[in-house]
Amino acid sequence: MKAISLIFTLFLTSVVQGFLLVVPQKKNAKHNPNRMRSSSSSPGAKTTGSSTTLLFQTPNAIQEQEDNYLQLAMQYERRPDVVYVIMYNPGTEQEGIHTMEFPRGSETDLLLAFESIEDCVGFSNSLRQDPNWQQEPVPTPTPLDQVEIACQGMGLPIKIVPDTSQLG
């Protein structure tokens, strides 16, 4: 539990100090600078204010899974005390959180949080098994109210994917 608290503390600290929002790109894929809102010292990167954001395009199979989860999240408005998010590089300066572009092609992002650890781990495993995925996804439990505060501070909408094992 101490490690979870540390990860969440680092998550909130990153939000306050300028958050690195990462959606990993495919291996051997060209970086799309039009998709990047702002970043730190990456080549060809832009920095806007105190916010640090790196955004990349995701593989189609992953986009399909994200779209399916989003469709479920739009149908149900559950508010669990704890949600599960996918973090990258937790506890490092490159710490980030998985987001999806919504609507597709809009260059705006949305955070998918999961009601159940099983669904979050399942999506995380899909990311991990994709040979084009560069980052190690880490399912991370986080209090919903704190995620909402952090997302509100970043202007990042959040949708909660309901527990798929409870759907009829």
C-alpha atoms as a PDB file:
ATOM      1  CA  MET A   1       0.000   0.000   0.000  1.00  0.00           C
ATOM      2  CA  LYS A   2       2.940   2.326   0.671  1.00  0.00           C
ATOM      3  CA  ALA A   3       4.119   1.955  -2.948  1.00  0.00           C
ATOM      4  CA  ILE A   4       0.622   2.825  -4.193  1.00  0.00           C
ATOM      5  CA  SER A   5       0.575   5.953  -2.031  1.00  0.00           C
ATOM      6  CA  LEU A   6       4.006   6.945  -3.319  1.00  0.00           C
ATOM      7  CA  ILE A   7       2.945   6.466  -6.942  1.00  0.00           C
ATOM      8  CA  PHE A   8      -0.205   8.485  -6.392  1.00  0.00           C
ATOM      9  CA  THR A   9       1.748  11.220  -4.590  1.00  0.00           C
ATOM     10  CA  LEU A  10       4.134  11.370  -7.525  1.00  0.00           C
ATOM     11  CA  PHE A  11       1.133  11.425  -9.864  1.00  0.00           C
ATOM     12  CA  LEU A  12      -0.368  14.451  -8.106  1.00  0.00           C
ATOM     13  CA  THR A  13       3.016  16.170  -7.774  1.00  0.00           C
ATOM     14  CA  SER A  14       3.510  15.789 -11.510  1.00  0.00           C
ATOM     15  CA  VAL A  15       0.105  17.314 -12.150  1.00  0.00           C
ATOM     16  CA  VAL A  16       0.865  20.319 -10.000  1.00  0.00           C
ATOM     17  CA  GLN A  17       4.375  20.874 -11.390  1.00  0.00           C
ATOM     18  CA  GLY A  18       3.585  20.169 -15.043  1.00  0.00           C
ATOM     19  CA  PHE A  19       2.349  16.762 -16.040  1.00  0.00           C
ATOM     20  CA  LEU A  20       3.864  14.492 -18.638  1.00  0.00           C
ATOM     21  CA  LEU A  21       0.897  13.015 -20.447  1.00  0.00           C
ATOM     22  CA  VAL A  22       2.149  10.142 -22.591  1.00  0.00           C
ATOM     23  CA  VAL A  23       0.389   7.967 -25.098  1.00  0.00           C
ATOM     24  CA  PRO A  24       3.295   5.854 -26.372  1.00  0.00           C
ATOM     25  CA  GLN A  25       3.994   5.641 -30.058  1.00  0.00           C
ATOM     26  CA  LYS A  26       4.580   2.541 -32.134  1.00  0.00           C
ATOM     27  CA  LYS A  27       8.154   1.351 -32.583  1.00  0.00           C
ATOM     28  CA  ASN A  28       9.640   2.569 -35.851  1.00  0.00           C
ATOM     29  CA  ALA A  29       6.728   4.989 -36.259  1.00  0.00           C
ATOM     30  CA  LYS A  30       7.349   8.594 -37.128  1.00  0.00           C
ATOM     31  CA  HIS A  31       6.602  11.030 -34.359  1.00  0.00           C
ATOM     32  CA  ASN A  32       3.716  13.274 -35.328  1.00  0.00           C
ATOM     33  CA  PRO A  33       4.594  16.825 -34.195  1.00  0.00           C
ATOM     34  CA  ASN A  34       1.077  17.993 -35.065  1.00  0.00           C
ATOM     35  CA  ARG A  35      -0.225  15.648 -32.364  1.00  0.00           C
ATOM     36  CA  MET A  36       2.033  17.124 -29.691  1.00  0.00           C
ATOM     37  CA  ARG A  37       0.542  19.928 -27.639  1.00  0.00           C
ATOM     38  CA  SER A  38       3.678  20.654 -25.679  1.00  0.00           C
ATOM     39  CA  SER A  39       6.710  18.854 -24.328  1.00  0.00           C
ATOM     40  CA  SER A  40       9.977  19.340 -22.541  1.00  0.00           C
ATOM     41  CA  SER A  41      13.374  19.006 -24.176  1.00  0.00           C
ATOM     42  CA  SER A  42      12.485  16.451 -26.851  1.00  0.00           C
ATOM     43  CA  PRO A  43      13.768  17.240 -30.353  1.00  0.00           C
ATOM     44  CA  GLY A  44      11.148  19.166 -32.286  1.00  0.00           C
ATOM     45  CA  ALA A  45       9.088  19.678 -29.143  1.00  0.00           C
ATOM     46  CA  LYS A  46       7.168  22.723 -27.989  1.00  0.00           C
ATOM     47  CA  THR A  47       6.787  23.951 -24.437  1.00  0.00           C
ATOM     48  CA  THR A  48       3.648  25.790 -23.415  1.00  0.00           C
ATOM     49  CA  GLY A  49       3.456  27.415 -19.982  1.00  0.00           C
ATOM     50  CA  SER A  50       4.399  25.119 -17.118  1.00  0.00           C
ATOM     51  CA  SER A  51       2.617  22.122 -18.607  1.00  0.00           C
ATOM     52  CA  THR A  52       4.638  19.293 -20.106  1.00  0.00           C
ATOM     53  CA  THR A  53       2.717  17.088 -22.497  1.00  0.00           C
ATOM     54  CA  LEU A  54       3.906  14.494 -24.999  1.00  0.00           C
ATOM     55  CA  LEU A  55       1.257  12.905 -27.156  1.00  0.00           C
ATOM     56  CA  PHE A  56       1.633  10.258 -29.830  1.00  0.00           C
ATOM     57  CA  GLN A  57      -0.650   8.288 -32.115  1.00  0.00           C
ATOM     58  CA  THR A  58      -1.720   4.844 -30.972  1.00  0.00           C
ATOM     59  CA  PRO A  59      -1.959   1.627 -33.013  1.00  0.00           C
ATOM     60  CA  ASN A  60      -5.383   0.878 -34.545  1.00  0.00           C
ATOM     61  CA  ALA A  61      -6.023  -2.283 -32.457  1.00  0.00           C
ATOM     62  CA  ILE A  62      -5.438  -0.298 -29.282  1.00  0.00           C
ATOM     63  CA  GLN A  63      -7.660   2.524 -30.562  1.00  0.00           C
ATOM     64  CA  GLU A  64     -10.441  -0.006 -31.140  1.00  0.00           C
ATOM     65  CA  GLN A  65     -10.144  -1.246 -27.545  1.00  0.00           C
ATOM     66  CA  GLU A  66     -10.131   2.332 -26.265  1.00  0.00           C
ATOM     67  CA  ASP A  67     -13.245   3.091 -28.332  1.00  0.00           C
ATOM     68  CA  ASN A  68     -15.024   0.000 -26.953  1.00  0.00           C
ATOM     69  CA  TYR A  69     -14.180   0.971 -23.371  1.00  0.00           C
ATOM     70  CA  LEU A  70     -15.286   4.554 -24.009  1.00  0.00           C
ATOM     71  CA  GLN A  71     -18.606   3.351 -25.409  1.00  0.00           C
ATOM     72  CA  LEU A  72     -19.203   1.416 -22.168  1.00  0.00           C
ATOM     73  CA  ALA A  73     -18.133   4.396 -20.064  1.00  0.00           C
ATOM     74  CA  MET A  74     -20.600   6.662 -21.881  1.00  0.00           C
ATOM     75  CA  GLN A  75     -23.491   4.281 -21.073  1.00  0.00           C
ATOM     76  CA  TYR A  76     -22.826   4.012 -17.337  1.00  0.00           C
ATOM     77  CA  GLU A  77     -22.205   6.785 -14.831  1.00  0.00           C
ATOM     78  CA  ARG A  78     -20.814   4.900 -11.851  1.00  0.00           C
ATOM     79  CA  ARG A  79     -18.674   6.725  -9.292  1.00  0.00           C
ATOM     80  CA  PRO A  80     -16.492   4.248  -7.404  1.00  0.00           C
ATOM     81  CA  ASP A  81     -14.257   5.525  -4.604  1.00  0.00           C
ATOM     82  CA  VAL A  82     -11.158   4.114  -6.316  1.00  0.00           C
ATOM     83  CA  VAL A  83     -10.423   3.833 -10.031  1.00  0.00           C
ATOM     84  CA  TYR A  84      -7.554   2.208 -11.897  1.00  0.00           C
ATOM     85  CA  VAL A  85      -5.485   4.130 -14.431  1.00  0.00           C
ATOM     86  CA  ILE A  86      -2.566   3.061 -16.601  1.00  0.00           C
ATOM     87  CA  MET A  87       0.665   4.818 -15.695  1.00  0.00           C
ATOM     88  CA  TYR A  88       3.976   4.823 -17.548  1.00  0.00           C
ATOM     89  CA  ASN A  89       7.363   5.200 -15.858  1.00  0.00           C
ATOM     90  CA  PRO A  90       5.859   5.753 -12.386  1.00  0.00           C
ATOM     91  CA  GLY A  91       8.161   7.461  -9.937  1.00  0.00           C
ATOM     92  CA  THR A  92      10.415   8.948 -12.624  1.00  0.00           C
ATOM     93  CA  GLU A  93      10.685  12.323 -14.341  1.00  0.00           C
ATOM     94  CA  GLN A  94       9.111  10.653 -17.391  1.00  0.00           C
ATOM     95  CA  GLU A  95       6.024   9.556 -15.433  1.00  0.00           C
ATOM     96  CA  GLY A  96       2.882   9.676 -17.536  1.00  0.00           C
ATOM     97  CA  ILE A  97      -0.667   8.425 -17.756  1.00  0.00           C
ATOM     98  CA  HIS A  98      -2.462   6.702 -20.633  1.00  0.00           C
ATOM     99  CA  THR A  99      -5.054   8.806 -22.439  1.00  0.00           C
ATOM    100  CA  MET A 100      -6.963   8.424 -25.669  1.00  0.00           C
ATOM    101  CA  GLU A 101      -7.754  10.976 -28.326  1.00  0.00           C
ATOM    102  CA  PHE A 102     -11.436  11.866 -28.229  1.00  0.00           C
ATOM    103  CA  PRO A 103     -13.097  12.581 -30.488  1.00  0.00           C
ATOM    104  CA  ARG A 104     -10.701  10.854 -32.872  1.00  0.00           C
ATOM    105  CA  GLY A 105      -8.827  13.356 -35.022  1.00  0.00           C
ATOM    106  CA  SER A 106      -9.564  16.235 -32.629  1.00  0.00           C
ATOM    107  CA  GLU A 107      -6.140  16.423 -30.968  1.00  0.00           C
ATOM    108  CA  THR A 108      -7.912  16.541 -27.592  1.00  0.00           C
ATOM    109  CA  ASP A 109      -7.536  13.831 -24.999  1.00  0.00           C
ATOM    110  CA  LEU A 110      -9.614  11.957 -22.480  1.00  0.00           C
ATOM    111  CA  LEU A 111      -8.541   9.825 -19.536  1.00  0.00           C
ATOM    112  CA  LEU A 112     -10.091   6.368 -19.335  1.00  0.00           C
ATOM    113  CA  ALA A 113     -10.214   5.174 -15.735  1.00  0.00           C
ATOM    114  CA  PHE A 114     -11.399   1.671 -14.897  1.00  0.00           C
ATOM    115  CA  GLU A 115     -13.817   0.657 -12.154  1.00  0.00           C
ATOM    116  CA  SER A 116     -12.216  -2.792 -11.898  1.00  0.00           C
ATOM    117  CA  ILE A 117      -8.600  -3.819 -11.614  1.00  0.00           C
ATOM    118  CA  GLU A 118      -9.330  -6.811 -13.877  1.00  0.00           C
ATOM    119  CA  ASP A 119     -10.382  -4.586 -16.794  1.00  0.00           C
ATOM    120  CA  CYS A 120      -7.434  -2.248 -16.265  1.00  0.00           C
ATOM    121  CA  VAL A 121      -4.993  -5.170 -16.126  1.00  0.00           C
ATOM    122  CA  GLY A 122      -6.622  -6.683 -19.229  1.00  0.00           C
ATOM    123  CA  PHE A 123      -6.154  -3.472 -21.224  1.00  0.00           C
ATOM    124  CA  SER A 124      -2.658  -3.061 -19.803  1.00  0.00           C
ATOM    125  CA  ASN A 125      -1.808  -6.608 -20.959  1.00  0.00           C
ATOM    126  CA  SER A 126      -3.090  -5.779 -24.445  1.00  0.00           C
ATOM    127  CA  LEU A 127      -0.745  -2.799 -24.533  1.00  0.00           C
ATOM    128  CA  ARG A 128       2.130  -4.881 -23.171  1.00  0.00           C
ATOM    129  CA  GLN A 129       1.601  -7.674 -25.740  1.00  0.00           C
ATOM    130  CA  ASP A 130       1.539  -5.294 -28.684  1.00  0.00           C
ATOM    131  CA  PRO A 131       5.041  -5.553 -30.217  1.00  0.00           C
ATOM    132  CA  ASN A 132       4.781  -1.922 -31.337  1.00  0.00           C
ATOM    133  CA  TRP A 133       4.239  -0.572 -27.814  1.00  0.00           C
ATOM    134  CA  GLN A 134       7.323   1.070 -26.301  1.00  0.00           C
ATOM    135  CA  GLN A 135       6.271   1.873 -22.733  1.00  0.00           C
ATOM    136  CA  GLU A 136       5.544  -0.496 -19.853  1.00  0.00           C
ATOM    137  CA  PRO A 137       1.920   0.058 -18.739  1.00  0.00           C
ATOM    138  CA  VAL A 138       1.395  -0.070 -14.972  1.00  0.00           C
ATOM    139  CA  PRO A 139      -2.200  -0.414 -13.664  1.00  0.00           C
ATOM    140  CA  THR A 140      -2.445   1.967 -10.715  1.00  0.00           C
ATOM    141  CA  PRO A 141      -5.276   2.311  -8.159  1.00  0.00           C
ATOM    142  CA  THR A 142      -6.118   5.929  -7.413  1.00  0.00           C
ATOM    143  CA  PRO A 143      -8.893   7.661  -5.432  1.00  0.00           C
ATOM    144  CA  LEU A 144     -11.451   8.980  -7.931  1.00  0.00           C
ATOM    145  CA  ASP A 145     -11.842  12.376  -6.289  1.00  0.00           C
ATOM    146  CA  GLN A 146      -8.097  13.022  -6.519  1.00  0.00           C
ATOM    147  CA  VAL A 147      -7.978  11.906 -10.171  1.00  0.00           C
ATOM    148  CA  GLU A 148     -10.866  14.261 -10.939  1.00  0.00           C
ATOM    149  CA  ILE A 149      -9.091  17.186  -9.254  1.00  0.00           C
ATOM    150  CA  ALA A 150      -5.885  16.452 -11.172  1.00  0.00           C
ATOM    151  CA  CYS A 151      -7.741  16.090 -14.476  1.00  0.00           C
ATOM    152  CA  GLN A 152      -9.717  19.263 -13.859  1.00  0.00           C
ATOM    153  CA  GLY A 153      -6.439  21.117 -13.280  1.00  0.00           C
ATOM    154  CA  MET A 154      -5.168  19.876 -16.650  1.00  0.00           C
ATOM    155  CA  GLY A 155      -8.444  20.431 -18.482  1.00  0.00           C
ATOM    156  CA  LEU A 156      -8.540  16.696 -19.162  1.00  0.00           C
ATOM    157  CA  PRO A 157     -11.976  15.026 -19.256  1.00  0.00           C
ATOM    158  CA  ILE A 158     -12.309  11.644 -17.563  1.00  0.00           C
ATOM    159  CA  LYS A 159     -14.650   8.722 -18.236  1.00  0.00           C
ATOM    160  CA  ILE A 160     -14.969   5.696 -15.981  1.00  0.00           C
ATOM    161  CA  VAL A 161     -15.200   2.278 -17.620  1.00  0.00           C
ATOM    162  CA  PRO A 162     -17.668   0.161 -15.618  1.00  0.00           C
ATOM    163  CA  ASP A 163     -16.708  -3.269 -14.304  1.00  0.00           C
ATOM    164  CA  THR A 164     -17.405  -5.437 -17.372  1.00  0.00           C
ATOM    165  CA  SER A 165     -17.928  -8.539 -15.218  1.00  0.00           C
ATOM    166  CA  GLN A 166     -20.993  -6.826 -13.702  1.00  0.00           C
ATOM    167  CA  LEU A 167     -22.617  -5.933 -17.038  1.00  0.00           C
ATOM    168  CA  GLY A 168     -25.596  -8.000 -18.162  1.00  0.00           C
END
